[in-house]
Amino acid sequence: MRVFIVLVRKLDHPHIVKFHGASLLKKGDTTRVILIMEKCKGNLKSQIFDHPEVAPAKAMNLAVSGEVFRWAKEITAALEFIHKQGVIHRDLKLENILVRG
């Protein structure tokens, strides 16, 4: 856990959600790790499926296409940064790409 916290604290980048700390929550025989992070309004999956008009395959509006291109640039910039830090995101999917409010 300590190695994870040290690693995540290094990931200071404009397109990576800020990590503030962690806590352990023990209930009975179960212990959970609680990550304290910057507040986000949702994830990319909910953004796309709750607003199908912004789905890349359905977008007919140039402004929407520009937004999709911005997402792609920000995601690739963040991935490039974490890779340069020696970190590989092993579970990259729409649910794990958080959208700030």
C-alpha atoms as a PDB file:
ATOM      1  CA  MET A   1       0.000   0.000   0.000  1.00  0.00           C
ATOM      2  CA  ARG A   2       2.788   2.392   0.893  1.00  0.00           C
ATOM      3  CA  VAL A   3       4.462   1.848  -2.491  1.00  0.00           C
ATOM      4  CA  PHE A   4       1.146   2.575  -4.239  1.00  0.00           C
ATOM      5  CA  ILE A   5       0.691   5.848  -2.329  1.00  0.00           C
ATOM      6  CA  VAL A   6       4.240   7.012  -3.096  1.00  0.00           C
ATOM      7  CA  LEU A   7       3.704   6.128  -6.757  1.00  0.00           C
ATOM      8  CA  VAL A   8       0.312   7.855  -7.095  1.00  0.00           C
ATOM      9  CA  ARG A   9       1.584  11.022  -5.392  1.00  0.00           C
ATOM     10  CA  LYS A  10       4.167  11.330  -8.221  1.00  0.00           C
ATOM     11  CA  LEU A  11       1.408  11.511 -10.824  1.00  0.00           C
ATOM     12  CA  ASP A  12       0.900  15.255 -10.729  1.00  0.00           C
ATOM     13  CA  HIS A  13      -0.428  16.193 -14.157  1.00  0.00           C
ATOM     14  CA  PRO A  14      -3.233  18.504 -15.377  1.00  0.00           C
ATOM     15  CA  HIS A  15      -5.160  15.562 -16.895  1.00  0.00           C
ATOM     16  CA  ILE A  16      -4.827  13.152 -13.968  1.00  0.00           C
ATOM     17  CA  VAL A  17      -7.264  13.302 -11.067  1.00  0.00           C
ATOM     18  CA  LYS A  18      -5.536  14.533  -7.905  1.00  0.00           C
ATOM     19  CA  PHE A  19      -4.884  11.956  -5.179  1.00  0.00           C
ATOM     20  CA  HIS A  20      -5.163  13.372  -1.653  1.00  0.00           C
ATOM     21  CA  GLY A  21      -4.625  10.315   0.516  1.00  0.00           C
ATOM     22  CA  ALA A  22      -5.870   6.912   1.606  1.00  0.00           C
ATOM     23  CA  SER A  23      -7.538   5.374   4.604  1.00  0.00           C
ATOM     24  CA  LEU A  24      -8.325   1.880   5.815  1.00  0.00           C
ATOM     25  CA  LEU A  25     -11.915   1.038   6.719  1.00  0.00           C
ATOM     26  CA  LYS A  26     -12.322  -2.092   8.791  1.00  0.00           C
ATOM     27  CA  LYS A  27     -15.753  -3.715   9.120  1.00  0.00           C
ATOM     28  CA  GLY A  28     -15.774  -7.041  10.878  1.00  0.00           C
ATOM     29  CA  ASP A  29     -13.304  -9.326   9.109  1.00  0.00           C
ATOM     30  CA  THR A  30     -13.095  -7.112   6.026  1.00  0.00           C
ATOM     31  CA  THR A  31     -10.673  -4.238   5.504  1.00  0.00           C
ATOM     32  CA  ARG A  32     -11.166  -1.843   2.608  1.00  0.00           C
ATOM     33  CA  VAL A  33      -8.783   0.716   1.207  1.00  0.00           C
ATOM     34  CA  ILE A  34     -10.478   4.079   0.662  1.00  0.00           C
ATOM     35  CA  LEU A  35      -8.807   6.417  -1.834  1.00  0.00           C
ATOM     36  CA  ILE A  36      -9.401  10.133  -1.266  1.00  0.00           C
ATOM     37  CA  MET A  37      -9.285  11.900  -4.598  1.00  0.00           C
ATOM     38  CA  GLU A  38     -10.380  15.069  -6.323  1.00  0.00           C
ATOM     39  CA  LYS A  39     -14.140  15.223  -6.825  1.00  0.00           C
ATOM     40  CA  CYS A  40     -15.268  14.240 -10.310  1.00  0.00           C
ATOM     41  CA  LYS A  41     -18.682  14.443 -11.913  1.00  0.00           C
ATOM     42  CA  GLY A  42     -18.522  10.965 -13.404  1.00  0.00           C
ATOM     43  CA  ASN A  43     -16.630   8.810 -15.834  1.00  0.00           C
ATOM     44  CA  LEU A  44     -16.313   8.750 -19.594  1.00  0.00           C
ATOM     45  CA  LYS A  45     -18.723   5.816 -19.939  1.00  0.00           C
ATOM     46  CA  SER A  46     -21.534   7.660 -18.160  1.00  0.00           C
ATOM     47  CA  GLN A  47     -20.718  10.847 -20.078  1.00  0.00           C
ATOM     48  CA  ILE A  48     -21.115   9.047 -23.403  1.00  0.00           C
ATOM     49  CA  PHE A  49     -24.055   6.782 -22.577  1.00  0.00           C
ATOM     50  CA  ASP A  50     -26.020   9.402 -20.630  1.00  0.00           C
ATOM     51  CA  HIS A  51     -25.521  11.881 -23.482  1.00  0.00           C
ATOM     52  CA  PRO A  52     -25.525   9.839 -26.723  1.00  0.00           C
ATOM     53  CA  GLU A  53     -25.331  13.036 -28.772  1.00  0.00           C
ATOM     54  CA  VAL A  54     -21.668  13.296 -27.687  1.00  0.00           C
ATOM     55  CA  ALA A  55     -20.837   9.712 -28.628  1.00  0.00           C
ATOM     56  CA  PRO A  56     -18.030   9.837 -31.200  1.00  0.00           C
ATOM     57  CA  ALA A  57     -19.871   7.571 -33.670  1.00  0.00           C
ATOM     58  CA  LYS A  58     -23.099   9.587 -33.482  1.00  0.00           C
ATOM     59  CA  ALA A  59     -21.765  13.135 -33.329  1.00  0.00           C
ATOM     60  CA  MET A  60     -22.799  15.233 -36.291  1.00  0.00           C
ATOM     61  CA  ASN A  61     -21.869  18.561 -34.719  1.00  0.00           C
ATOM     62  CA  LEU A  62     -18.336  19.894 -35.247  1.00  0.00           C
ATOM     63  CA  ALA A  63     -18.241  21.241 -31.678  1.00  0.00           C
ATOM     64  CA  VAL A  64     -18.963  17.733 -30.354  1.00  0.00           C
ATOM     65  CA  SER A  65     -16.227  16.300 -32.573  1.00  0.00           C
ATOM     66  CA  GLY A  66     -13.845  18.898 -31.179  1.00  0.00           C
ATOM     67  CA  GLU A  67     -14.753  17.840 -27.632  1.00  0.00           C
ATOM     68  CA  VAL A  68     -14.079  14.193 -28.495  1.00  0.00           C
ATOM     69  CA  PHE A  69     -10.702  15.133 -29.984  1.00  0.00           C
ATOM     70  CA  ARG A  70      -9.915  17.102 -26.800  1.00  0.00           C
ATOM     71  CA  TRP A  71     -10.736  14.021 -24.680  1.00  0.00           C
ATOM     72  CA  ALA A  72      -8.444  11.899 -26.842  1.00  0.00           C
ATOM     73  CA  LYS A  73      -5.569  14.395 -26.577  1.00  0.00           C
ATOM     74  CA  GLU A  74      -5.945  14.718 -22.781  1.00  0.00           C
ATOM     75  CA  ILE A  75      -6.148  10.947 -22.254  1.00  0.00           C
ATOM     76  CA  THR A  76      -3.088  10.278 -24.409  1.00  0.00           C
ATOM     77  CA  ALA A  77      -1.138  13.095 -22.711  1.00  0.00           C
ATOM     78  CA  ALA A  78      -1.951  11.614 -19.290  1.00  0.00           C
ATOM     79  CA  LEU A  79      -0.981   8.103 -20.416  1.00  0.00           C
ATOM     80  CA  GLU A  80       2.261   9.361 -21.925  1.00  0.00           C
ATOM     81  CA  PHE A  81       3.065  11.092 -18.626  1.00  0.00           C
ATOM     82  CA  ILE A  82       2.362   8.041 -16.449  1.00  0.00           C
ATOM     83  CA  HIS A  83       4.365   5.813 -18.792  1.00  0.00           C
ATOM     84  CA  LYS A  84       7.342   8.181 -18.480  1.00  0.00           C
ATOM     85  CA  GLN A  85       6.983   7.783 -14.694  1.00  0.00           C
ATOM     86  CA  GLY A  86       7.281   3.998 -15.139  1.00  0.00           C
ATOM     87  CA  VAL A  87       3.590   3.340 -14.452  1.00  0.00           C
ATOM     88  CA  ILE A  88       1.343   1.176 -16.604  1.00  0.00           C
ATOM     89  CA  HIS A  89      -2.437   1.484 -16.167  1.00  0.00           C
ATOM     90  CA  ARG A  90      -3.529  -2.147 -16.344  1.00  0.00           C
ATOM     91  CA  ASP A  91      -7.283  -1.535 -16.304  1.00  0.00           C
ATOM     92  CA  LEU A  92      -7.897   1.272 -18.783  1.00  0.00           C
ATOM     93  CA  LYS A  93     -11.584   1.403 -19.728  1.00  0.00           C
ATOM     94  CA  LEU A  94     -14.293   4.032 -20.019  1.00  0.00           C
ATOM     95  CA  GLU A  95     -15.371   3.531 -16.389  1.00  0.00           C
ATOM     96  CA  ASN A  96     -11.844   4.334 -15.175  1.00  0.00           C
ATOM     97  CA  ILE A  97     -11.468   7.579 -17.097  1.00  0.00           C
ATOM     98  CA  LEU A  98     -12.876  10.164 -14.708  1.00  0.00           C
ATOM     99  CA  VAL A  99     -14.445  13.427 -15.852  1.00  0.00           C
ATOM    100  CA  ARG A 100     -13.914  16.518 -13.704  1.00  0.00           C
ATOM    101  CA  GLY A 101     -16.858  18.744 -12.789  1.00  0.00           C
END
